[in-house]
Amino acid sequence: QFNLGVTLAEMGRHAEAVGPLGEAARLSPRHPKAPYFFGLALTLAGRPEDGLRQLLKGVNDDRRRASAHLAVGRALVRQGRAAEARRYCEGAVGLAPGSAE
């Protein structure tokens, strides 16, 4: 399910990716990337609050993943929550200073 969901998301078919990625997150709650990809798919499929919830779970599950921090920051910016987003974006830069966007 996870690979199918990621493939759909990479094809830009975010709404279709939500089902398989949600199932992967449910079946494998310790999968290190499942909440991240599920959250991105939800966000890009027009469900920003649900997406943010999953992205935050991904950060809480693995605080060393810079991409997860950045995804949370971007999701918060999209919701007009720039002050909160700054903390996550700075966290991403601190974890991966050479890849700052």
Protein backbone atom coordinates (compact mmCIF):
# COMPACT_ATOMS: atom_id res chain seq x y z
CA GLN A 1 0.00 0.00 0.00
CA PHE A 2 2.78 2.41 0.90
CA ASN A 3 4.58 2.06 -2.44
CA LEU A 4 1.32 2.42 -4.37
CA GLY A 5 0.44 5.57 -2.43
CA VAL A 6 3.87 7.11 -2.95
CA THR A 7 3.73 6.33 -6.67
CA LEU A 8 0.31 7.95 -6.99
CA ALA A 9 1.49 11.00 -5.06
CA GLU A 10 4.58 11.33 -7.24
CA MET A 11 2.26 11.28 -10.26
CA GLY A 12 0.34 14.20 -8.77
CA ARG A 13 -2.69 12.03 -7.99
CA HIS A 14 -2.83 13.10 -4.35
CA ALA A 15 -6.51 12.38 -3.73
CA GLU A 16 -6.02 8.81 -4.99
CA ALA A 17 -2.87 8.43 -2.88
CA VAL A 18 -4.70 9.24 0.36
CA GLY A 19 -6.39 5.82 0.61
CA PRO A 20 -3.31 3.62 0.18
CA LEU A 21 -1.12 5.88 2.31
CA GLY A 22 -3.72 6.02 5.06
CA GLU A 23 -3.96 2.25 5.00
CA ALA A 24 -0.16 1.95 5.14
CA ALA A 25 -0.03 4.33 8.12
CA ARG A 26 -2.76 2.36 9.89
CA LEU A 27 -1.23 -1.06 9.20
CA SER A 28 2.36 -0.02 9.96
CA PRO A 29 2.20 2.76 12.57
CA ARG A 30 5.98 2.58 13.08
CA HIS A 31 6.80 2.99 9.39
CA PRO A 32 9.17 5.98 9.45
CA LYS A 33 7.82 7.69 6.33
CA ALA A 34 4.14 6.74 6.34
CA PRO A 35 2.84 9.76 8.33
CA TYR A 36 5.00 12.10 6.23
CA PHE A 37 3.71 10.91 2.86
CA PHE A 38 0.16 10.48 4.16
CA GLY A 39 0.23 14.04 5.51
CA LEU A 40 1.57 15.46 2.26
CA ALA A 41 -1.07 13.64 0.24
CA LEU A 42 -3.86 14.85 2.51
CA THR A 43 -2.57 18.42 2.37
CA LEU A 44 -2.21 18.43 -1.41
CA ALA A 45 -5.61 16.75 -1.79
CA GLY A 46 -7.26 19.73 -0.09
CA ARG A 47 -7.42 18.42 3.48
CA PRO A 48 -4.88 20.69 5.19
CA GLU A 49 -5.94 20.13 8.81
CA ASP A 50 -5.85 16.34 8.44
CA GLY A 51 -2.57 16.62 6.58
CA LEU A 52 -1.01 18.78 9.27
CA ARG A 53 -2.08 16.30 11.94
CA GLN A 54 -0.24 13.49 10.11
CA LEU A 55 2.81 15.64 9.39
CA LEU A 56 3.07 16.54 13.07
CA LYS A 57 2.86 12.84 13.91
CA GLY A 58 5.77 12.27 11.54
CA VAL A 59 7.85 14.93 13.29
CA ASN A 60 7.00 13.51 16.70
CA ASP A 61 7.86 9.98 15.57
CA ASP A 62 11.25 11.02 14.16
CA ARG A 63 12.50 14.42 15.25
CA ARG A 64 15.68 14.07 13.14
CA ARG A 65 13.94 14.10 9.75
CA ALA A 66 14.49 17.57 8.28
CA SER A 67 11.99 16.99 5.47
CA ALA A 68 9.23 16.33 8.01
CA HIS A 69 9.97 19.60 9.83
CA LEU A 70 9.95 21.48 6.55
CA ALA A 71 6.67 19.88 5.47
CA VAL A 72 5.03 20.95 8.74
CA GLY A 73 6.39 24.48 8.24
CA ARG A 74 5.02 24.66 4.72
CA ALA A 75 1.63 23.30 5.80
CA LEU A 76 1.42 25.92 8.54
CA VAL A 77 2.34 28.71 6.10
CA ARG A 78 -0.46 27.55 3.76
CA GLN A 79 -2.84 27.91 6.71
CA GLY A 80 -1.61 31.44 7.45
CA ARG A 81 0.24 30.38 10.60
CA ALA A 82 3.64 31.83 9.73
CA ALA A 83 4.81 32.38 13.32
CA GLU A 84 4.34 28.69 14.13
CA ALA A 85 5.83 27.67 10.79
CA ARG A 86 9.06 29.49 11.51
CA ARG A 87 9.96 27.12 14.37
CA TYR A 88 9.62 24.05 12.14
CA CYS A 89 11.47 25.63 9.22
CA GLU A 90 14.32 26.65 11.50
CA GLY A 91 14.32 23.11 12.88
CA ALA A 92 14.69 21.75 9.34
CA VAL A 93 17.63 24.05 8.64
CA GLY A 94 19.25 23.05 11.93
CA LEU A 95 18.95 19.37 11.04
CA ALA A 96 20.17 19.74 7.45
CA PRO A 97 21.95 23.08 7.07
CA GLY A 98 23.41 22.20 3.68
CA SER A 99 20.00 21.64 2.15
CA ALA A 100 18.24 24.82 3.29
CA GLU A 101 15.60 25.91 0.78
